[in-house]
Protein backbone atom coordinates (compact mmCIF):
# COMPACT_ATOMS: atom_id res chain seq x y z
CA MET A 1 -59.41 -69.68 196.94
CA THR A 2 -56.22 -70.99 195.42
CA GLY A 3 -55.85 -73.40 192.57
CA VAL A 4 -58.84 -72.12 190.57
CA PRO A 5 -58.05 -72.53 186.88
CA PRO A 6 -58.35 -69.53 184.60
CA GLY A 7 -61.45 -69.37 182.47
CA ILE A 8 -64.18 -67.18 181.06
CA SER A 9 -66.34 -64.96 183.27
CA VAL A 10 -69.67 -63.31 182.48
CA LEU A 11 -70.35 -60.02 184.26
CA PRO A 12 -73.65 -58.11 184.37
CA VAL A 13 -73.62 -54.34 183.85
CA HIS A 14 -75.90 -52.84 186.47
CA GLY A 15 -77.17 -49.29 186.81
CA LEU A 16 -78.27 -48.70 183.22
CA PRO A 17 -81.37 -46.55 182.62
CA GLU A 18 -84.50 -47.30 180.62
CA PHE A 19 -83.51 -46.27 177.11
CA SER A 20 -85.45 -44.02 174.75
CA PRO A 21 -84.91 -42.83 171.17
CA GLY A 22 -81.81 -40.65 170.88
CA ASP A 23 -80.18 -41.77 174.14
CA ASP A 24 -76.41 -42.30 174.27
CA LEU A 25 -76.20 -46.07 174.73
CA ALA A 26 -72.41 -46.22 174.56
CA GLY A 27 -72.09 -43.34 177.00
CA ALA A 28 -74.39 -45.08 179.49
CA ILE A 29 -72.40 -48.33 179.20
CA ALA A 30 -69.10 -46.47 179.68
CA THR A 31 -70.47 -44.77 182.82
CA ALA A 32 -71.87 -48.01 184.28
CA ALA A 33 -68.84 -50.14 183.35
CA PRO A 34 -65.68 -48.01 183.53
CA TRP A 35 -63.85 -51.26 184.31
CA LEU A 36 -64.08 -52.48 180.70
CA ALA A 37 -60.74 -53.84 179.48
CA ASP A 38 -59.11 -54.76 176.19
CA GLY A 39 -60.39 -58.08 174.88
CA ASP A 40 -63.76 -57.91 176.64
CA VAL A 41 -66.89 -58.75 174.66
CA VAL A 42 -69.80 -56.40 175.38
CA VAL A 43 -73.14 -58.14 174.75
CA VAL A 44 -76.06 -55.74 174.35
CA THR A 45 -79.68 -56.82 173.96
CA SER A 46 -81.13 -55.75 170.63
CA LYS A 47 -84.06 -54.15 172.42
CA ALA A 48 -81.80 -51.49 173.95
CA VAL A 49 -80.23 -50.84 170.54
CA SER A 50 -83.62 -50.61 168.84
CA LYS A 51 -84.98 -48.24 171.46
CA VAL A 52 -82.15 -45.73 171.15
CA GLU A 53 -82.30 -45.99 167.34
CA GLY A 54 -86.05 -45.36 167.32
CA ARG A 55 -86.99 -48.76 165.89
CA LEU A 56 -90.40 -48.62 167.52
CA VAL A 57 -93.96 -49.07 166.28
CA PRO A 58 -96.31 -46.71 168.15
CA VAL A 59 -99.54 -48.11 169.56
CA PRO A 60 -102.13 -45.30 169.96
CA PRO A 61 -104.32 -45.30 173.08
CA GLY A 62 -107.27 -47.64 172.63
CA ALA A 63 -105.81 -49.26 169.52
CA ASP A 64 -105.72 -53.02 169.00
CA ARG A 65 -102.11 -53.79 169.94
CA GLU A 66 -102.24 -57.33 168.58
CA ALA A 67 -103.57 -56.19 165.20
CA ILE A 68 -100.76 -53.62 164.99
CA ARG A 69 -98.24 -56.31 165.89
CA LEU A 70 -99.52 -58.66 163.19
CA GLN A 71 -99.34 -55.90 160.59
CA ALA A 72 -95.80 -55.05 161.69
CA VAL A 73 -94.81 -58.69 161.18
CA GLU A 74 -96.13 -58.55 157.62
CA ASP A 75 -94.29 -55.28 157.00
CA GLU A 76 -90.96 -56.61 158.28
CA ALA A 77 -91.14 -59.96 156.47
CA VAL A 78 -89.66 -60.59 153.05
CA ARG A 79 -90.78 -64.22 153.02
CA VAL A 80 -93.28 -66.21 155.06
CA VAL A 81 -91.83 -69.62 155.85
CA ALA A 82 -94.69 -71.07 157.90
CA ARG A 83 -97.93 -69.90 159.43
CA ARG A 84 -100.39 -71.34 161.90
CA GLY A 85 -103.15 -69.06 163.09
CA PRO A 86 -101.60 -65.81 164.35
CA LEU A 87 -98.11 -67.35 164.56
CA ALA A 88 -95.86 -66.68 161.58
CA ILE A 89 -92.29 -67.81 161.01
CA VAL A 90 -90.79 -65.33 158.57
CA GLN A 91 -87.53 -64.28 157.03
CA THR A 92 -86.67 -60.68 157.81
CA ARG A 93 -84.88 -58.27 155.51
CA GLN A 94 -81.77 -58.83 157.64
CA GLY A 95 -81.87 -62.51 156.63
CA TRP A 96 -83.01 -64.03 159.95
CA VAL A 97 -85.71 -66.71 159.97
CA VAL A 98 -87.58 -66.04 163.20
CA ALA A 99 -91.02 -66.04 164.75
CA ALA A 100 -92.98 -62.80 164.34
CA ALA A 101 -90.04 -61.10 162.56
CA GLY A 102 -88.35 -60.69 165.95
CA ILE A 103 -90.91 -58.05 166.96
CA ASP A 104 -91.07 -57.77 170.73
CA ALA A 105 -94.00 -56.71 172.89
CA SER A 106 -92.32 -57.44 176.25
CA ASN A 107 -90.18 -55.13 178.40
CA VAL A 108 -91.69 -52.14 176.62
CA GLY A 109 -94.65 -49.91 177.42
CA GLN A 110 -98.13 -50.65 176.11
CA ASP A 111 -97.76 -47.71 173.73
CA ALA A 112 -95.08 -49.32 171.53
CA LEU A 113 -93.66 -52.46 169.93
CA VAL A 114 -89.93 -53.00 169.36
CA LEU A 115 -88.54 -54.01 165.97
CA LEU A 116 -85.14 -55.57 165.35
CA PRO A 117 -82.37 -53.04 164.60
CA GLU A 118 -82.26 -52.01 160.97
CA ASP A 119 -78.60 -53.13 160.71
CA ALA A 120 -77.36 -54.60 163.98
CA ASP A 121 -73.85 -55.14 162.60
CA ALA A 122 -73.57 -51.41 161.91
CA SER A 123 -74.98 -50.72 165.38
CA ALA A 124 -72.30 -52.97 166.91
CA ARG A 125 -69.56 -51.19 164.98
CA ARG A 126 -70.76 -47.79 166.19
CA LEU A 127 -70.90 -48.97 169.80
CA ARG A 128 -67.42 -50.45 169.55
CA ASP A 129 -65.95 -47.27 168.07
CA ARG A 130 -67.65 -45.09 170.68
CA LEU A 131 -66.49 -47.23 173.62
CA ARG A 132 -62.95 -47.01 172.26
CA ALA A 133 -63.26 -43.22 172.14
CA LEU A 134 -64.76 -42.98 175.64
CA LEU A 135 -62.66 -45.53 177.55
CA GLY A 136 -59.64 -46.16 175.32
CA VAL A 137 -60.31 -49.92 175.21
CA GLU A 138 -60.49 -52.41 172.36
CA VAL A 139 -63.60 -54.48 172.93
CA ALA A 140 -65.82 -56.60 170.70
CA VAL A 141 -69.57 -55.99 170.64
CA VAL A 142 -72.37 -58.50 170.16
CA VAL A 143 -76.01 -57.48 169.74
CA SER A 144 -78.27 -60.28 170.97
CA ASP A 145 -81.90 -61.24 170.56
CA THR A 146 -84.06 -64.12 171.78
CA PHE A 147 -84.95 -66.79 169.21
CA GLY A 148 -86.76 -70.08 169.34
CA ARG A 149 -85.02 -73.18 168.00
CA THR A 150 -86.16 -75.64 165.39
CA TRP A 151 -87.27 -78.98 166.89
CA ARG A 152 -86.48 -77.84 170.45
CA GLU A 153 -88.62 -76.24 173.13
CA GLY A 154 -87.37 -73.17 174.97
CA LEU A 155 -85.72 -69.93 173.93
CA THR A 156 -82.12 -68.82 173.92
CA ASP A 157 -80.29 -65.67 172.94
CA VAL A 158 -78.41 -65.52 169.64
CA ALA A 159 -76.38 -62.83 167.90
CA VAL A 160 -78.08 -60.57 165.37
CA GLY A 161 -75.15 -58.15 165.15
CA SER A 162 -71.45 -58.15 165.96
CA ALA A 163 -68.24 -56.20 165.52
CA GLY A 164 -64.61 -56.90 166.36
CA ILE A 165 -65.07 -60.66 166.62
CA ALA A 166 -65.39 -63.44 164.07
CA ALA A 167 -68.95 -64.80 164.05
CA LEU A 168 -67.80 -68.31 163.15
CA THR A 169 -64.76 -70.31 164.18
CA ASP A 170 -63.99 -72.66 161.31
CA HIS A 171 -62.50 -76.02 162.29
CA ARG A 172 -62.94 -77.64 158.89
CA GLY A 173 -59.75 -79.41 157.86
CA ALA A 174 -58.45 -79.70 161.42
CA VAL A 175 -57.65 -83.14 162.84
CA ASP A 176 -58.98 -84.28 166.22
CA ALA A 177 -57.10 -86.28 168.86
CA TRP A 178 -58.18 -89.53 167.18
CA GLY A 179 -56.91 -88.57 163.76
CA ASN A 180 -60.34 -87.72 162.31
CA ARG A 181 -60.43 -84.78 159.92
CA LEU A 182 -63.28 -82.35 160.65
CA GLU A 183 -65.42 -81.79 157.58
CA THR A 184 -68.31 -79.54 158.63
CA THR A 185 -67.54 -78.11 162.08
CA ARG A 186 -67.99 -74.36 162.30
CA VAL A 187 -68.79 -72.94 165.72
CA ALA A 188 -71.13 -69.94 166.00
CA VAL A 189 -69.05 -68.20 168.66
CA VAL A 190 -71.15 -65.04 168.78
CA ASP A 191 -74.30 -67.08 169.40
CA GLU A 192 -72.58 -68.85 172.28
CA LEU A 193 -71.55 -65.49 173.73
CA ALA A 194 -75.08 -64.13 173.40
CA SER A 195 -76.50 -67.15 175.19
CA ALA A 196 -73.87 -67.03 177.94
CA ALA A 197 -74.50 -63.33 178.53
CA ASP A 198 -78.22 -63.95 178.97
CA LEU A 199 -77.45 -66.07 182.02
CA VAL A 200 -76.66 -62.85 183.89
CA LYS A 201 -78.91 -60.46 181.94
CA GLY A 202 -82.05 -62.56 182.25
CA LYS A 203 -85.46 -61.65 180.87
CA LEU A 204 -86.99 -59.88 183.85
CA ALA A 205 -84.05 -58.35 185.74
CA GLY A 206 -83.75 -55.19 183.64
CA VAL A 207 -80.08 -55.82 182.80
CA PRO A 208 -79.65 -55.22 179.05
CA VAL A 209 -75.84 -55.46 178.91
CA ALA A 210 -73.29 -58.04 180.03
CA VAL A 211 -69.55 -58.44 179.53
CA VAL A 212 -67.79 -61.70 178.68
CA ARG A 213 -64.17 -61.67 179.81
CA GLY A 214 -61.34 -64.12 179.18
CA LEU A 215 -62.27 -65.28 175.68
CA PRO A 216 -59.11 -65.98 173.67
CA SER A 217 -58.76 -63.37 170.97
CA ALA A 218 -59.17 -64.46 167.36
CA PRO A 219 -58.28 -62.60 164.17
CA VAL A 220 -61.11 -60.79 162.42
CA ASP A 221 -61.31 -60.19 158.69
CA ALA A 222 -60.36 -56.66 157.72
CA ASP A 223 -63.85 -55.99 156.34
CA ASP A 224 -65.45 -57.47 159.52
CA PRO A 225 -68.64 -58.95 158.03
CA GLY A 226 -70.33 -59.11 161.42
CA THR A 227 -73.07 -61.72 161.63
CA ARG A 228 -73.51 -62.07 157.85
CA PRO A 229 -71.66 -65.44 157.82
CA LEU A 230 -74.40 -66.84 160.08
CA VAL A 231 -77.16 -66.38 157.49
CA ARG A 232 -77.71 -69.68 155.72
CA LEU A 233 -78.09 -69.19 151.99
CA PRO A 234 -81.18 -70.67 150.27
CA ALA A 235 -79.06 -73.04 148.21
CA ASP A 236 -77.74 -74.63 151.43
CA ASP A 237 -81.10 -74.76 153.24
CA LEU A 238 -82.64 -78.25 153.31
CA PHE A 239 -85.75 -76.90 155.03
CA PRO A 240 -86.62 -73.61 153.32
CA TYR A 241 -90.33 -74.28 153.81
CA GLY A 242 -92.37 -76.07 156.41
CA SER A 243 -94.44 -79.12 155.53
CA ARG A 244 -97.88 -78.91 157.09
CA ASP A 245 -97.54 -75.12 157.34
CA LEU A 246 -96.04 -74.55 153.89
CA VAL A 247 -97.11 -71.25 152.32
CA ARG A 248 -96.97 -70.16 148.73
CA SER A 249 -94.84 -67.37 147.40
CA ARG A 250 -96.56 -64.16 146.35
CA THR A 251 -95.99 -64.98 142.67
CA PRO A 252 -96.75 -68.55 141.50
CA GLY A 253 -93.62 -70.06 140.01
CA ALA A 254 -91.37 -67.32 141.38
CA GLU A 255 -89.18 -69.84 143.21
CA LEU A 256 -87.75 -70.96 139.87
CA VAL A 257 -86.88 -67.53 138.49
CA PRO A 258 -84.46 -66.38 137.16
CA ARG A 259 -83.28 -69.76 135.84
CA ALA A 260 -82.97 -70.36 132.12
CA GLY A 261 -83.96 -73.33 130.00
CA GLU A 262 -86.21 -76.03 131.44
CA LEU A 263 -86.94 -74.33 134.75
CA GLU A 264 -87.84 -71.05 133.10
CA ALA A 265 -90.35 -72.91 130.92
CA VAL A 266 -91.86 -74.71 133.94
CA SER A 267 -92.05 -71.48 135.92
CA GLN A 268 -93.91 -69.69 133.14
CA ALA A 269 -96.25 -72.63 132.63
CA PHE A 270 -97.19 -72.75 136.31
CA ARG A 271 -97.72 -68.99 136.45
CA THR A 272 -100.05 -69.19 133.46
CA ALA A 273 -101.95 -72.23 134.74
CA SER A 274 -102.23 -70.82 138.29
CA ALA A 275 -104.26 -67.91 136.96
CA ALA A 276 -107.17 -70.32 136.52
CA LEU A 277 -106.83 -71.57 140.11
CA PRO A 278 -105.73 -68.50 142.09
CA GLU A 279 -106.97 -69.92 145.41
CA PHE A 280 -104.99 -73.16 145.07
CA PRO A 281 -101.39 -72.38 146.00
CA VAL A 282 -98.44 -74.66 145.34
CA VAL A 283 -94.76 -74.06 145.94
CA LEU A 284 -92.15 -74.96 143.35
CA ARG A 285 -88.59 -75.81 144.27
CA HIS A 286 -85.57 -76.83 142.22
CA GLY A 287 -85.55 -80.62 142.15
CA GLY A 288 -82.68 -82.49 143.69
CA GLU A 289 -82.05 -84.66 140.63
CA GLY A 290 -80.88 -82.04 138.14
CA ASP A 291 -81.80 -78.82 136.39
CA GLY A 292 -84.69 -80.46 134.54
CA VAL A 293 -86.56 -81.49 137.71
CA VAL A 294 -89.07 -79.42 139.67
CA ASP A 295 -90.40 -80.42 143.09
CA VAL A 296 -94.07 -79.51 143.59
CA HIS A 297 -95.19 -78.90 147.18
CA LEU A 298 -98.76 -78.62 148.43
CA VAL A 299 -99.75 -75.88 150.83
CA ASP A 300 -103.13 -77.26 151.83
CA ALA A 301 -103.54 -80.65 153.47
CA PRO A 302 -103.87 -83.52 150.97
CA ASN A 303 -107.51 -84.45 150.40
CA MET A 304 -109.87 -85.10 147.51
CA THR A 305 -110.17 -81.38 146.69
CA THR A 306 -106.44 -80.71 146.66
CA ALA A 307 -105.88 -83.86 144.61
CA LEU A 308 -108.39 -82.71 141.97
CA ASN A 309 -106.97 -79.18 141.93
CA LEU A 310 -103.42 -80.47 141.61
CA GLY A 311 -104.47 -82.75 138.79
CA ALA A 312 -106.11 -79.87 136.95
CA LEU A 313 -103.12 -77.61 137.48
CA LEU A 314 -100.60 -80.23 136.36
CA GLY A 315 -102.75 -81.09 133.36
CA ALA A 316 -102.75 -77.46 132.21
CA VAL A 317 -99.00 -77.15 132.81
CA ILE A 318 -98.16 -80.34 130.93
CA VAL A 319 -100.42 -79.43 128.00
CA GLN A 320 -98.68 -76.05 127.70
CA LEU A 321 -95.21 -77.59 127.93
CA HIS A 322 -96.06 -80.23 125.33
CA ALA A 323 -97.35 -77.51 123.02
CA GLU A 324 -93.95 -75.85 123.32
CA GLY A 325 -92.18 -79.09 122.43
CA TRP A 326 -91.09 -80.24 125.90
CA ALA A 327 -91.33 -83.88 126.96
CA THR A 328 -92.55 -84.35 130.54
CA ARG A 329 -92.89 -87.04 133.19
CA TRP A 330 -94.77 -86.73 136.49
CA GLU A 331 -93.55 -88.76 139.47
CA PRO A 332 -95.78 -88.74 142.58
CA VAL A 333 -93.61 -88.87 145.71
CA GLY A 334 -95.97 -87.65 148.43
CA THR A 335 -96.57 -89.78 151.50
CA PRO A 336 -99.88 -90.57 153.28
CA GLY A 337 -98.52 -88.87 156.41
CA GLY A 338 -99.12 -85.44 154.92
CA SER A 339 -95.79 -84.58 153.30
CA SER A 340 -95.90 -81.25 151.51
CA LEU A 341 -93.94 -82.74 148.59
CA ALA A 342 -96.59 -83.98 146.15
CA GLY A 343 -94.31 -85.03 143.32
CA ARG A 344 -91.65 -84.19 140.77
CA LEU A 345 -92.11 -82.91 137.25
CA TRP A 346 -89.31 -84.11 134.95
CA LEU A 347 -88.57 -82.42 131.64
CA GLY A 348 -87.02 -84.33 128.79
CA THR A 349 -86.32 -83.39 125.21
CA PRO A 350 -86.18 -79.60 124.77
CA PRO A 351 -87.94 -77.91 121.87
CA SER A 352 -85.93 -77.72 118.69
């Protein structure tokens, strides 16, 4: 056909084996795709990477696989964001906020569970270097995994590791065709590549690798931070906790540490007062009105019991703060619809 405009193509890599710990993933890709060319982006499912790197949890014969999976989620999590029954949304040590810590029980035998790669950026760099050595080509590598999406049904693949390609394309400061200056637009290119590659990899076809060809090359920082720029920092996260499914931190008041002055005093007061009500968790967050404001979130649904417990806890906190010379003001801001935000504690005059 003539007249077809140039564009981007997505090519599946067929003929790859079932991978096991210690296998040569790059060697298998080079054998199955000797046609790789400079500028290609090789997208590899994280499951293949994890298998060859031995990131597996064994499930002994007759063992409760679901119980082992739930324990693995707890082990991989550094923070629980939300929980409902057996479902947990957690932050992993790699920084991703994902259901079940990204632990996969599909496309693997009944005798194992698959964890996310320990450092998928490092895995991508090794694959890229090895493909260069084997085929003499300069390619980028993206390691993909399947995530759910906030406020949207359905799954899509995103990048959890990358090398040789900038994770974000920053358009901030550019001017569009109408003269509007872009203020916030940063495109997660590696996520788009991961999602595009899954169109040919699929979930059931047994194709763990795809190649995206025709993407315009973009400069990469010399240190190549991989997917680190995709991790949203807590200070920029407007939704660090759920509402109905809010969970407490492991140490009451820990959210406010290590901050000096007013917040340090509030944190210590809540930790002390919480000792008397260990089964009544609250979550403290830096208030949006200044350093002297603390937002208090409820974990349990608002009812008469939680109201009484919150009153007792706040009373003990305020008494302690007053004894130390702090002036306080409590502002209820919760809504009848079940908002997790119960109110704000304001601190005034500091102790002399």
